[in-house]
Amino acid sequence: MSIPTSCLRTIIHTVPKDISKTLSPVSTLSPITVHGLLAAELALTTTPSPWKAVLPTAQDFLHVPLTWDLALQALLPSKAAALLKLQKSKLFQDWTIVSRAFPSISYDEYLYNWLVVNTRTFYFLSRSHVTKGKAKNTPPRDDCLALNPFADYINHTSDPSCYASLTPLGYNVIASSPVAKDIEITISYGSHSNDFLLAEYGFILEENVWDEIVLDDYIIPLVDEKKKEQLRELGFWGNYVLDSRTVCHRTEVVVRAICLPFGRWKLFALGLDDGEKHQSLVNERLLQTIQSYKKEAVERKAQIAVVVEGLESQRAALIKRYTQIIILLEAAMDRIQS
């Protein structure tokens, strides 16, 4: 399937100049994002179209954490909570500019269109930025957005039946193998964890080969200031991850930094020591950290079960996510203990 550039909705091809010019003077100190500009164009375009007629409704977006009650947002896992915080910051910046330039747009109307853009855009570079398949003078990634009618209805899975590729003429969606009649066509939105998928799109996968959890909240408080600086200098500060197979190398490094003198763990960080001599000590400390996370995850599930705010489906999604997190943590504990 081919979707030509003329079918895409982008700030270059479809946002009228009168909208962008009206917003420009208002956003001189804090420029509106491409995301925000596309949302403004959607909110101001009242002409019916086949594409707009089949977009999700505002009710459909109640599964996205940005629309949840604050009591439920406060119970999100740390990675999802951090992504939500970034969303709120971007939305506030965009809404501040749009509301001043176009006071006729209500907040709820703008939020709806902002969520349409947030959940349905594809990575896009204009033809002027693509030369022989390579990006040239590429804008910031967050500004490389296009609404891609029809292709935006293909759902995400970690085992997709087709893939989408950007060409100078538009998008091609190509099946990786024959797809039988009545079988859903799927693509991959990227190698995303369930925390990311929950925060950005409002769903989590039952089986996600890219699922992972971040251990920073349980590891960083154990690191003293001197070791924090040493880890920064070596490029190992933050983003400590555990998945269904292993803990990442960064996590192995930081746990060694907690347990060992600088000279010992630095050699491991630089790949000059296999770390086997101190592995049992590292495993013991790592096991304690994972047990702390599991204890809190169990407590979070209990908290969610008695919360009255929000919808039952929202609370169920949170409980399901913490159940997945506990399973990942228990699998890691089993690996360490064996």
C-alpha atoms as a PDB file:
ATOM      1  CA  MET A   1       0.000   0.000   0.000  1.00  0.00           C
ATOM      2  CA  SER A   2       1.314   3.437  -0.925  1.00  0.00           C
ATOM      3  CA  ILE A   3       0.271   6.687   0.745  1.00  0.00           C
ATOM      4  CA  PRO A   4       1.549   9.650  -1.301  1.00  0.00           C
ATOM      5  CA  THR A   5       2.797  12.802   0.412  1.00  0.00           C
ATOM      6  CA  SER A   6      -0.255  14.661  -0.929  1.00  0.00           C
ATOM      7  CA  CYS A   7      -2.450  12.556   1.406  1.00  0.00           C
ATOM      8  CA  LEU A   8      -0.456  13.413   4.547  1.00  0.00           C
ATOM      9  CA  ARG A   9      -1.340  16.159   6.994  1.00  0.00           C
ATOM     10  CA  THR A  10       1.819  18.120   7.835  1.00  0.00           C
ATOM     11  CA  ILE A  11       2.729  21.692   8.766  1.00  0.00           C
ATOM     12  CA  ILE A  12       4.209  22.066   5.272  1.00  0.00           C
ATOM     13  CA  HIS A  13       1.347  20.663   3.212  1.00  0.00           C
ATOM     14  CA  THR A  14      -1.912  21.217   5.086  1.00  0.00           C
ATOM     15  CA  VAL A  15      -1.606  23.832   7.854  1.00  0.00           C
ATOM     16  CA  PRO A  16      -2.938  27.093   6.343  1.00  0.00           C
ATOM     17  CA  LYS A  17      -0.607  30.084   6.475  1.00  0.00           C
ATOM     18  CA  ASP A  18      -3.193  32.190   8.285  1.00  0.00           C
ATOM     19  CA  ILE A  19      -3.098  29.746  11.233  1.00  0.00           C
ATOM     20  CA  SER A  20       0.687  29.562  11.472  1.00  0.00           C
ATOM     21  CA  LYS A  21       1.016  33.359  11.028  1.00  0.00           C
ATOM     22  CA  THR A  22      -1.541  34.032  13.752  1.00  0.00           C
ATOM     23  CA  LEU A  23       0.308  31.737  16.154  1.00  0.00           C
ATOM     24  CA  SER A  24       3.821  33.002  15.370  1.00  0.00           C
ATOM     25  CA  PRO A  25       3.649  36.388  17.190  1.00  0.00           C
ATOM     26  CA  VAL A  26       2.120  34.729  20.267  1.00  0.00           C
ATOM     27  CA  SER A  27       4.838  32.075  20.463  1.00  0.00           C
ATOM     28  CA  THR A  28       7.961  34.221  20.137  1.00  0.00           C
ATOM     29  CA  LEU A  29       9.293  33.461  23.633  1.00  0.00           C
ATOM     30  CA  SER A  30       8.197  29.826  23.739  1.00  0.00           C
ATOM     31  CA  PRO A  31       7.553  28.546  20.194  1.00  0.00           C
ATOM     32  CA  ILE A  32       4.619  26.239  19.573  1.00  0.00           C
ATOM     33  CA  THR A  33       5.588  22.669  18.766  1.00  0.00           C
ATOM     34  CA  VAL A  34       4.793  20.977  15.452  1.00  0.00           C
ATOM     35  CA  HIS A  35       2.540  18.724  17.510  1.00  0.00           C
ATOM     36  CA  GLY A  36       0.679  21.752  18.854  1.00  0.00           C
ATOM     37  CA  LEU A  37       0.392  23.383  15.434  1.00  0.00           C
ATOM     38  CA  LEU A  38      -1.115  20.261  13.849  1.00  0.00           C
ATOM     39  CA  ALA A  39      -3.602  20.028  16.736  1.00  0.00           C
ATOM     40  CA  ALA A  40      -4.593  23.675  16.241  1.00  0.00           C
ATOM     41  CA  GLU A  41      -5.181  23.105  12.530  1.00  0.00           C
ATOM     42  CA  LEU A  42      -7.410  20.111  13.283  1.00  0.00           C
ATOM     43  CA  ALA A  43      -9.383  22.052  15.887  1.00  0.00           C
ATOM     44  CA  LEU A  44      -9.942  24.967  13.496  1.00  0.00           C
ATOM     45  CA  THR A  45     -10.861  22.849  10.469  1.00  0.00           C
ATOM     46  CA  THR A  46     -14.606  22.270  10.560  1.00  0.00           C
ATOM     47  CA  THR A  47     -14.981  21.031   6.991  1.00  0.00           C
ATOM     48  CA  PRO A  48     -16.156  17.391   7.034  1.00  0.00           C
ATOM     49  CA  SER A  49     -13.800  14.797   5.584  1.00  0.00           C
ATOM     50  CA  PRO A  50     -13.849  10.979   5.356  1.00  0.00           C
ATOM     51  CA  TRP A  51     -10.760  10.839   7.569  1.00  0.00           C
ATOM     52  CA  LYS A  52     -12.083  13.087  10.356  1.00  0.00           C
ATOM     53  CA  ALA A  53     -15.419  11.262  10.299  1.00  0.00           C
ATOM     54  CA  VAL A  54     -13.799   8.034  11.502  1.00  0.00           C
ATOM     55  CA  LEU A  55     -11.340   9.434  14.046  1.00  0.00           C
ATOM     56  CA  PRO A  56     -11.658   8.230  17.653  1.00  0.00           C
ATOM     57  CA  THR A  57     -14.116  10.122  19.839  1.00  0.00           C
ATOM     58  CA  ALA A  58     -13.211  11.978  23.027  1.00  0.00           C
ATOM     59  CA  GLN A  59     -14.599   8.973  24.940  1.00  0.00           C
ATOM     60  CA  ASP A  60     -12.111   6.724  23.157  1.00  0.00           C
ATOM     61  CA  PHE A  61      -9.250   8.720  24.677  1.00  0.00           C
ATOM     62  CA  LEU A  62     -10.318   8.047  28.261  1.00  0.00           C
ATOM     63  CA  HIS A  63      -7.886   5.100  28.268  1.00  0.00           C
ATOM     64  CA  VAL A  64      -4.935   7.514  27.817  1.00  0.00           C
ATOM     65  CA  PRO A  65      -3.421   8.493  31.218  1.00  0.00           C
ATOM     66  CA  LEU A  66      -3.343  12.201  30.264  1.00  0.00           C
ATOM     67  CA  THR A  67      -7.150  12.177  30.683  1.00  0.00           C
ATOM     68  CA  TRP A  68      -7.168  10.244  33.978  1.00  0.00           C
ATOM     69  CA  ASP A  69      -7.987  11.577  37.427  1.00  0.00           C
ATOM     70  CA  LEU A  70      -4.923  12.884  39.300  1.00  0.00           C
ATOM     71  CA  ALA A  71      -5.328  10.161  41.933  1.00  0.00           C
ATOM     72  CA  LEU A  72      -4.779   7.470  39.282  1.00  0.00           C
ATOM     73  CA  GLN A  73      -2.006   9.387  37.504  1.00  0.00           C
ATOM     74  CA  ALA A  74      -0.119   9.451  40.812  1.00  0.00           C
ATOM     75  CA  LEU A  75      -0.116   5.629  40.857  1.00  0.00           C
ATOM     76  CA  LEU A  76       1.495   5.157  37.436  1.00  0.00           C
ATOM     77  CA  PRO A  77       4.816   3.282  37.286  1.00  0.00           C
ATOM     78  CA  SER A  78       7.781   5.680  37.305  1.00  0.00           C
ATOM     79  CA  LYS A  79       8.597   5.420  33.589  1.00  0.00           C
ATOM     80  CA  ALA A  80       4.992   6.044  32.547  1.00  0.00           C
ATOM     81  CA  ALA A  81       4.748   8.879  35.085  1.00  0.00           C
ATOM     82  CA  ALA A  82       7.864  10.542  33.648  1.00  0.00           C
ATOM     83  CA  LEU A  83       6.415  10.368  30.121  1.00  0.00           C
ATOM     84  CA  LEU A  84       3.115  11.800  31.362  1.00  0.00           C
ATOM     85  CA  LYS A  85       4.990  14.706  32.959  1.00  0.00           C
ATOM     86  CA  LEU A  86       6.614  15.504  29.597  1.00  0.00           C
ATOM     87  CA  GLN A  87       3.227  15.323  27.866  1.00  0.00           C
ATOM     88  CA  LYS A  88       1.709  17.750  30.341  1.00  0.00           C
ATOM     89  CA  SER A  89       4.577  20.175  29.827  1.00  0.00           C
ATOM     90  CA  LYS A  90       4.223  20.071  26.025  1.00  0.00           C
ATOM     91  CA  LEU A  91       0.446  20.368  26.192  1.00  0.00           C
ATOM     92  CA  PHE A  92       0.613  23.344  28.564  1.00  0.00           C
ATOM     93  CA  GLN A  93       3.082  25.119  26.272  1.00  0.00           C
ATOM     94  CA  ASP A  94       0.953  24.507  23.173  1.00  0.00           C
ATOM     95  CA  TRP A  95      -2.376  25.331  24.824  1.00  0.00           C
ATOM     96  CA  THR A  96      -1.043  28.589  26.292  1.00  0.00           C
ATOM     97  CA  ILE A  97      -0.130  29.781  22.789  1.00  0.00           C
ATOM     98  CA  VAL A  98      -3.222  28.491  20.971  1.00  0.00           C
ATOM     99  CA  SER A  99      -5.705  29.777  23.571  1.00  0.00           C
ATOM    100  CA  ARG A 100      -4.284  33.299  23.292  1.00  0.00           C
ATOM    101  CA  ALA A 101      -4.294  33.291  19.486  1.00  0.00           C
ATOM    102  CA  PHE A 102      -7.652  31.516  19.063  1.00  0.00           C
ATOM    103  CA  PRO A 103      -9.819  32.103  22.171  1.00  0.00           C
ATOM    104  CA  SER A 104     -12.784  30.463  20.434  1.00  0.00           C
ATOM    105  CA  ILE A 105     -11.167  27.010  20.891  1.00  0.00           C
ATOM    106  CA  SER A 106     -12.091  25.348  24.189  1.00  0.00           C
ATOM    107  CA  TYR A 107      -9.533  23.422  26.210  1.00  0.00           C
ATOM    108  CA  ASP A 108     -11.436  20.136  25.867  1.00  0.00           C
ATOM    109  CA  GLU A 109     -11.641  20.596  22.101  1.00  0.00           C
ATOM    110  CA  TYR A 110      -7.928  21.324  21.857  1.00  0.00           C
ATOM    111  CA  LEU A 111      -6.996  18.441  24.175  1.00  0.00           C
ATOM    112  CA  TYR A 112      -8.977  16.053  21.980  1.00  0.00           C
ATOM    113  CA  ASN A 113      -7.173  17.156  18.817  1.00  0.00           C
ATOM    114  CA  TRP A 114      -3.821  17.192  20.631  1.00  0.00           C
ATOM    115  CA  LEU A 115      -4.407  13.545  21.566  1.00  0.00           C
ATOM    116  CA  VAL A 116      -5.340  12.696  17.966  1.00  0.00           C
ATOM    117  CA  VAL A 117      -1.935  14.014  16.906  1.00  0.00           C
ATOM    118  CA  ASN A 118      -0.138  12.364  19.830  1.00  0.00           C
ATOM    119  CA  THR A 119      -1.497   8.890  19.063  1.00  0.00           C
ATOM    120  CA  ARG A 120      -1.698   8.896  15.264  1.00  0.00           C
ATOM    121  CA  THR A 121       1.382  10.609  13.805  1.00  0.00           C
ATOM    122  CA  PHE A 122       4.162   8.926  11.851  1.00  0.00           C
ATOM    123  CA  TYR A 123       7.806   9.965  11.661  1.00  0.00           C
ATOM    124  CA  PHE A 124       8.081  12.221   8.622  1.00  0.00           C
ATOM    125  CA  LEU A 125      10.777  14.111   6.723  1.00  0.00           C
ATOM    126  CA  SER A 126       9.896  16.334   3.786  1.00  0.00           C
ATOM    127  CA  ARG A 127      11.407  15.551   0.407  1.00  0.00           C
ATOM    128  CA  SER A 128      13.875  18.421   0.858  1.00  0.00           C
ATOM    129  CA  HIS A 129      15.289  16.615   3.895  1.00  0.00           C
ATOM    130  CA  VAL A 130      15.660  13.244   2.191  1.00  0.00           C
ATOM    131  CA  THR A 131      18.430  12.724  -0.331  1.00  0.00           C
ATOM    132  CA  LYS A 132      19.037   9.232  -1.702  1.00  0.00           C
ATOM    133  CA  GLY A 133      17.370   7.719   1.360  1.00  0.00           C
ATOM    134  CA  LYS A 134      19.514   9.629   3.857  1.00  0.00           C
ATOM    135  CA  ALA A 135      18.426  12.467   6.118  1.00  0.00           C
ATOM    136  CA  LYS A 136      19.987  15.846   5.375  1.00  0.00           C
ATOM    137  CA  ASN A 137      19.779  18.728   7.883  1.00  0.00           C
ATOM    138  CA  THR A 138      17.190  16.742   9.811  1.00  0.00           C
ATOM    139  CA  PRO A 139      14.907  18.740  12.149  1.00  0.00           C
ATOM    140  CA  PRO A 140      14.559  17.638  15.816  1.00  0.00           C
ATOM    141  CA  ARG A 141      12.826  14.262  15.984  1.00  0.00           C
ATOM    142  CA  ASP A 142       9.848  15.663  17.905  1.00  0.00           C
ATOM    143  CA  ASP A 143       9.170  18.005  14.967  1.00  0.00           C
ATOM    144  CA  CYS A 144       9.224  15.240  12.342  1.00  0.00           C
ATOM    145  CA  LEU A 145       5.515  14.481  12.438  1.00  0.00           C
ATOM    146  CA  ALA A 146       2.802  13.723   9.883  1.00  0.00           C
ATOM    147  CA  LEU A 147      -0.753  12.520  10.211  1.00  0.00           C
ATOM    148  CA  ASN A 148      -1.066   9.595   7.866  1.00  0.00           C
ATOM    149  CA  PRO A 149      -4.736   8.921   7.017  1.00  0.00           C
ATOM    150  CA  PHE A 150      -5.627   5.247   6.664  1.00  0.00           C
ATOM    151  CA  ALA A 151      -2.189   4.006   7.704  1.00  0.00           C
ATOM    152  CA  ASP A 152      -2.911   5.400  11.186  1.00  0.00           C
ATOM    153  CA  TYR A 153      -5.531   2.674  11.658  1.00  0.00           C
ATOM    154  CA  ILE A 154      -2.972  -0.126  11.548  1.00  0.00           C
ATOM    155  CA  ASN A 155      -2.420  -1.269  15.118  1.00  0.00           C
ATOM    156  CA  HIS A 156       0.846  -1.962  16.933  1.00  0.00           C
ATOM    157  CA  THR A 157       2.317  -5.312  17.882  1.00  0.00           C
ATOM    158  CA  SER A 158       5.827  -6.482  18.710  1.00  0.00           C
ATOM    159  CA  ASP A 159       5.423  -9.143  15.986  1.00  0.00           C
ATOM    160  CA  PRO A 160       4.024  -7.132  13.035  1.00  0.00           C
ATOM    161  CA  SER A 161       2.720  -8.541   9.764  1.00  0.00           C
ATOM    162  CA  CYS A 162       3.960  -5.531   7.754  1.00  0.00           C
ATOM    163  CA  TYR A 163       6.221  -2.519   8.042  1.00  0.00           C
ATOM    164  CA  ALA A 164       5.985   1.115   7.004  1.00  0.00           C
ATOM    165  CA  SER A 165       8.825   2.937   5.276  1.00  0.00           C
ATOM    166  CA  LEU A 166       9.205   6.602   4.347  1.00  0.00           C
ATOM    167  CA  THR A 167      10.304   7.476   0.817  1.00  0.00           C
ATOM    168  CA  PRO A 168      10.666  10.867  -0.909  1.00  0.00           C
ATOM    169  CA  LEU A 169       7.206  10.249  -2.436  1.00  0.00           C
ATOM    170  CA  GLY A 170       5.376   9.226   0.764  1.00  0.00           C
ATOM    171  CA  TYR A 171       4.899   6.007   2.703  1.00  0.00           C
ATOM    172  CA  ASN A 172       4.927   2.392   1.644  1.00  0.00           C
ATOM    173  CA  VAL A 173       3.289  -0.241   3.848  1.00  0.00           C
ATOM    174  CA  ILE A 174       4.555  -3.665   2.829  1.00  0.00           C
ATOM    175  CA  ALA A 175       3.542  -7.079   4.145  1.00  0.00           C
ATOM    176  CA  SER A 176       6.485  -9.171   5.334  1.00  0.00           C
ATOM    177  CA  SER A 177       4.574 -12.339   4.358  1.00  0.00           C
ATOM    178  CA  PRO A 178       1.183 -13.181   2.824  1.00  0.00           C
ATOM    179  CA  VAL A 179      -1.724 -12.078   5.053  1.00  0.00           C
ATOM    180  CA  ALA A 180      -4.849 -14.244   4.999  1.00  0.00           C
ATOM    181  CA  LYS A 181      -8.332 -12.830   4.599  1.00  0.00           C
ATOM    182  CA  ASP A 182      -9.926 -11.564   7.845  1.00  0.00           C
ATOM    183  CA  ILE A 183      -6.537 -11.409   9.602  1.00  0.00           C
ATOM    184  CA  GLU A 184      -5.670  -8.018  11.094  1.00  0.00           C
ATOM    185  CA  ILE A 185      -2.778  -6.145   9.485  1.00  0.00           C
ATOM    186  CA  THR A 186      -0.314  -4.851  12.083  1.00  0.00           C
ATOM    187  CA  ILE A 187       2.837  -2.750  12.198  1.00  0.00           C
ATOM    188  CA  SER A 188       5.356  -1.862  14.892  1.00  0.00           C
ATOM    189  CA  TYR A 189       5.354   1.615  16.426  1.00  0.00           C
ATOM    190  CA  GLY A 190       8.870   0.884  17.668  1.00  0.00           C
ATOM    191  CA  SER A 191      10.717  -1.125  20.326  1.00  0.00           C
ATOM    192  CA  HIS A 192       8.576   0.200  23.172  1.00  0.00           C
ATOM    193  CA  SER A 193       7.945  -1.060  26.686  1.00  0.00           C
ATOM    194  CA  ASN A 194       4.424  -1.379  28.066  1.00  0.00           C
ATOM    195  CA  ASP A 195       5.008   1.678  30.269  1.00  0.00           C
ATOM    196  CA  PHE A 196       5.653   3.704  27.102  1.00  0.00           C
ATOM    197  CA  LEU A 197       2.652   2.232  25.287  1.00  0.00           C
ATOM    198  CA  LEU A 198       0.394   2.920  28.269  1.00  0.00           C
ATOM    199  CA  ALA A 199       1.501   6.546  28.646  1.00  0.00           C
ATOM    200  CA  GLU A 200       1.498   7.412  24.944  1.00  0.00           C
ATOM    201  CA  TYR A 201      -1.351   5.316  23.543  1.00  0.00           C
ATOM    202  CA  GLY A 202      -3.339   4.017  26.495  1.00  0.00           C
ATOM    203  CA  PHE A 203      -2.839   0.286  25.938  1.00  0.00           C
ATOM    204  CA  ILE A 204      -0.463  -2.470  27.030  1.00  0.00           C
ATOM    205  CA  LEU A 205       0.361  -5.720  25.262  1.00  0.00           C
ATOM    206  CA  GLU A 206      -0.164  -9.150  26.764  1.00  0.00           C
ATOM    207  CA  GLU A 207       3.052 -10.327  25.085  1.00  0.00           C
ATOM    208  CA  ASN A 208       5.676  -7.658  24.490  1.00  0.00           C
ATOM    209  CA  VAL A 209       9.190  -8.792  23.630  1.00  0.00           C
ATOM    210  CA  TRP A 210      10.432  -5.227  24.264  1.00  0.00           C
ATOM    211  CA  ASP A 211       8.890  -4.829  27.691  1.00  0.00           C
ATOM    212  CA  GLU A 212      11.211  -3.591  30.399  1.00  0.00           C
ATOM    213  CA  ILE A 213      11.131  -1.732  33.702  1.00  0.00           C
ATOM    214  CA  VAL A 214      13.360   1.024  35.059  1.00  0.00           C
ATOM    215  CA  LEU A 215      15.107   0.494  38.412  1.00  0.00           C
ATOM    216  CA  ASP A 216      16.331   4.081  38.908  1.00  0.00           C
ATOM    217  CA  ASP A 217      13.971   4.882  41.813  1.00  0.00           C
ATOM    218  CA  TYR A 218      15.395   1.970  43.785  1.00  0.00           C
ATOM    219  CA  ILE A 219      19.077   2.252  42.819  1.00  0.00           C
ATOM    220  CA  ILE A 220      19.831   5.987  42.650  1.00  0.00           C
ATOM    221  CA  PRO A 221      19.101   6.613  46.382  1.00  0.00           C
ATOM    222  CA  LEU A 222      21.835   4.061  47.195  1.00  0.00           C
ATOM    223  CA  VAL A 223      24.576   6.011  45.341  1.00  0.00           C
ATOM    224  CA  ASP A 224      26.565   8.653  47.230  1.00  0.00           C
ATOM    225  CA  GLU A 225      27.490  12.006  45.667  1.00  0.00           C
ATOM    226  CA  LYS A 226      31.079  11.094  44.881  1.00  0.00           C
ATOM    227  CA  LYS A 227      30.078   7.937  43.044  1.00  0.00           C
ATOM    228  CA  LYS A 228      27.312   9.826  41.198  1.00  0.00           C
ATOM    229  CA  GLU A 229      29.947  12.120  39.739  1.00  0.00           C
ATOM    230  CA  GLN A 230      32.208   9.189  38.834  1.00  0.00           C
ATOM    231  CA  LEU A 231      29.314   7.429  37.085  1.00  0.00           C
ATOM    232  CA  ARG A 232      28.464  10.613  35.155  1.00  0.00           C
ATOM    233  CA  GLU A 233      32.057  10.996  34.000  1.00  0.00           C
ATOM    234  CA  LEU A 234      32.094   7.424  32.702  1.00  0.00           C
ATOM    235  CA  GLY A 235      28.651   7.771  31.061  1.00  0.00           C
ATOM    236  CA  PHE A 236      26.827   5.346  33.356  1.00  0.00           C
ATOM    237  CA  TRP A 237      24.474   7.625  35.284  1.00  0.00           C
ATOM    238  CA  GLY A 238      20.763   6.738  35.175  1.00  0.00           C
ATOM    239  CA  ASN A 239      18.533   4.570  32.989  1.00  0.00           C
ATOM    240  CA  TYR A 240      19.005   1.249  34.794  1.00  0.00           C
ATOM    241  CA  VAL A 241      16.798  -1.308  33.072  1.00  0.00           C
ATOM    242  CA  LEU A 242      15.585  -4.859  33.642  1.00  0.00           C
ATOM    243  CA  ASP A 243      13.759  -6.945  31.040  1.00  0.00           C
ATOM    244  CA  SER A 244      12.559 -10.532  30.710  1.00  0.00           C
ATOM    245  CA  ARG A 245      16.069 -11.817  29.967  1.00  0.00           C
ATOM    246  CA  THR A 246      18.547  -9.814  31.987  1.00  0.00           C
ATOM    247  CA  VAL A 247      19.480  -6.581  33.706  1.00  0.00           C
ATOM    248  CA  CYS A 248      21.314  -4.148  31.445  1.00  0.00           C
ATOM    249  CA  HIS A 249      25.067  -3.554  31.584  1.00  0.00           C
ATOM    250  CA  ARG A 250      24.479  -0.101  33.078  1.00  0.00           C
ATOM    251  CA  THR A 251      22.710  -1.723  36.018  1.00  0.00           C
ATOM    252  CA  GLU A 252      25.580  -4.163  36.528  1.00  0.00           C
ATOM    253  CA  VAL A 253      27.961  -1.186  36.580  1.00  0.00           C
ATOM    254  CA  VAL A 254      26.006   0.933  39.064  1.00  0.00           C
ATOM    255  CA  VAL A 255      25.462  -1.963  41.485  1.00  0.00           C
ATOM    256  CA  ARG A 256      29.212  -2.593  41.423  1.00  0.00           C
ATOM    257  CA  ALA A 257      29.764   1.109  42.078  1.00  0.00           C
ATOM    258  CA  ILE A 258      27.577   0.784  45.187  1.00  0.00           C
ATOM    259  CA  CYS A 259      29.387  -2.340  46.442  1.00  0.00           C
ATOM    260  CA  LEU A 260      33.010  -1.892  45.357  1.00  0.00           C
ATOM    261  CA  PRO A 261      35.886   0.620  45.445  1.00  0.00           C
ATOM    262  CA  PHE A 262      36.235   2.879  42.393  1.00  0.00           C
ATOM    263  CA  GLY A 263      39.222   1.029  40.934  1.00  0.00           C
ATOM    264  CA  ARG A 264      37.357  -2.299  40.961  1.00  0.00           C
ATOM    265  CA  TRP A 265      34.091  -1.260  39.335  1.00  0.00           C
ATOM    266  CA  LYS A 266      35.761   1.113  36.870  1.00  0.00           C
ATOM    267  CA  LEU A 267      37.607  -1.819  35.278  1.00  0.00           C
ATOM    268  CA  PHE A 268      34.288  -3.616  34.785  1.00  0.00           C
ATOM    269  CA  ALA A 269      32.663  -0.487  33.354  1.00  0.00           C
ATOM    270  CA  LEU A 270      35.497  -0.114  30.830  1.00  0.00           C
ATOM    271  CA  GLY A 271      35.316  -3.779  29.818  1.00  0.00           C
ATOM    272  CA  LEU A 272      38.700  -4.628  31.371  1.00  0.00           C
ATOM    273  CA  ASP A 273      37.308  -7.047  33.976  1.00  0.00           C
ATOM    274  CA  ASP A 274      34.620  -9.717  33.485  1.00  0.00           C
ATOM    275  CA  GLY A 275      33.287  -9.038  36.993  1.00  0.00           C
ATOM    276  CA  GLU A 276      33.012 -12.704  37.971  1.00  0.00           C
ATOM    277  CA  LYS A 277      35.054 -12.291  41.169  1.00  0.00           C
ATOM    278  CA  HIS A 278      32.437 -10.031  42.761  1.00  0.00           C
ATOM    279  CA  GLN A 279      29.327 -11.345  41.017  1.00  0.00           C
ATOM    280  CA  SER A 280      27.854 -12.981  44.131  1.00  0.00           C
ATOM    281  CA  LEU A 281      28.113  -9.708  46.075  1.00  0.00           C
ATOM    282  CA  VAL A 282      26.547  -7.810  43.177  1.00  0.00           C
ATOM    283  CA  ASN A 283      23.741 -10.370  42.885  1.00  0.00           C
ATOM    284  CA  GLU A 284      22.962 -10.064  46.584  1.00  0.00           C
ATOM    285  CA  ARG A 285      22.610  -6.273  46.397  1.00  0.00           C
ATOM    286  CA  LEU A 286      20.662  -6.462  43.150  1.00  0.00           C
ATOM    287  CA  LEU A 287      18.301  -9.017  44.680  1.00  0.00           C
ATOM    288  CA  GLN A 288      17.608  -6.657  47.598  1.00  0.00           C
ATOM    289  CA  THR A 289      16.816  -3.850  45.147  1.00  0.00           C
ATOM    290  CA  ILE A 290      14.432  -5.993  43.112  1.00  0.00           C
ATOM    291  CA  GLN A 291      12.702  -7.228  46.265  1.00  0.00           C
ATOM    292  CA  SER A 292      12.115  -3.605  47.311  1.00  0.00           C
ATOM    293  CA  TYR A 293      10.553  -2.843  43.931  1.00  0.00           C
ATOM    294  CA  LYS A 294       8.341  -5.928  44.130  1.00  0.00           C
ATOM    295  CA  LYS A 295       7.140  -4.982  47.614  1.00  0.00           C
ATOM    296  CA  GLU A 296       6.138  -1.520  46.390  1.00  0.00           C
ATOM    297  CA  ALA A 297       4.456  -2.934  43.253  1.00  0.00           C
ATOM    298  CA  VAL A 298       2.326  -5.234  45.415  1.00  0.00           C
ATOM    299  CA  GLU A 299       1.417  -2.276  47.631  1.00  0.00           C
ATOM    300  CA  ARG A 300       0.493  -0.199  44.565  1.00  0.00           C
ATOM    301  CA  LYS A 301      -1.900  -2.903  43.389  1.00  0.00           C
ATOM    302  CA  ALA A 302      -3.575  -2.861  46.780  1.00  0.00           C
ATOM    303  CA  GLN A 303      -3.843   0.952  46.666  1.00  0.00           C
ATOM    304  CA  ILE A 304      -5.415   0.916  43.198  1.00  0.00           C
ATOM    305  CA  ALA A 305      -7.961  -1.688  44.307  1.00  0.00           C
ATOM    306  CA  VAL A 306      -9.466   0.746  46.833  1.00  0.00           C
ATOM    307  CA  VAL A 307      -9.258   3.942  44.760  1.00  0.00           C
ATOM    308  CA  VAL A 308     -12.698   5.262  43.814  1.00  0.00           C
ATOM    309  CA  GLU A 309     -11.574   7.946  41.359  1.00  0.00           C
ATOM    310  CA  GLY A 310     -11.481   7.283  37.630  1.00  0.00           C
ATOM    311  CA  LEU A 311     -13.053   4.563  35.548  1.00  0.00           C
ATOM    312  CA  GLU A 312     -12.976   0.855  36.316  1.00  0.00           C
ATOM    313  CA  SER A 313     -11.195   0.230  32.997  1.00  0.00           C
ATOM    314  CA  GLN A 314      -8.460   2.719  33.953  1.00  0.00           C
ATOM    315  CA  ARG A 315      -7.916   1.092  37.336  1.00  0.00           C
ATOM    316  CA  ALA A 316      -7.889  -2.333  35.675  1.00  0.00           C
ATOM    317  CA  ALA A 317      -5.176  -1.204  33.245  1.00  0.00           C
ATOM    318  CA  LEU A 318      -2.998  -0.023  36.136  1.00  0.00           C
ATOM    319  CA  ILE A 319      -3.472  -3.253  38.085  1.00  0.00           C
ATOM    320  CA  LYS A 320      -2.652  -5.247  34.965  1.00  0.00           C
ATOM    321  CA  ARG A 321       0.547  -3.237  34.431  1.00  0.00           C
ATOM    322  CA  TYR A 322       1.732  -3.786  37.989  1.00  0.00           C
ATOM    323  CA  THR A 323       0.970  -7.502  37.625  1.00  0.00           C
ATOM    324  CA  GLN A 324       3.282  -7.547  34.585  1.00  0.00           C
ATOM    325  CA  ILE A 325       5.955  -5.666  36.532  1.00  0.00           C
ATOM    326  CA  ILE A 326       5.770  -8.170  39.400  1.00  0.00           C
ATOM    327  CA  ILE A 327       6.145 -11.054  36.942  1.00  0.00           C
ATOM    328  CA  LEU A 328       9.258  -9.425  35.422  1.00  0.00           C
ATOM    329  CA  LEU A 329      10.724  -8.838  38.893  1.00  0.00           C
ATOM    330  CA  GLU A 330      10.012 -12.383  40.071  1.00  0.00           C
ATOM    331  CA  ALA A 331      11.628 -13.813  36.934  1.00  0.00           C
ATOM    332  CA  ALA A 332      14.722 -11.693  37.592  1.00  0.00           C
ATOM    333  CA  MET A 333      14.838 -12.874  41.218  1.00  0.00           C
ATOM    334  CA  ASP A 334      14.643 -16.489  40.042  1.00  0.00           C
ATOM    335  CA  ARG A 335      17.529 -15.931  37.619  1.00  0.00           C
ATOM    336  CA  ILE A 336      19.701 -14.372  40.301  1.00  0.00           C
ATOM    337  CA  GLN A 337      18.943 -17.023  42.923  1.00  0.00           C
ATOM    338  CA  SER A 338      19.635 -19.875  40.533  1.00  0.00           C
END
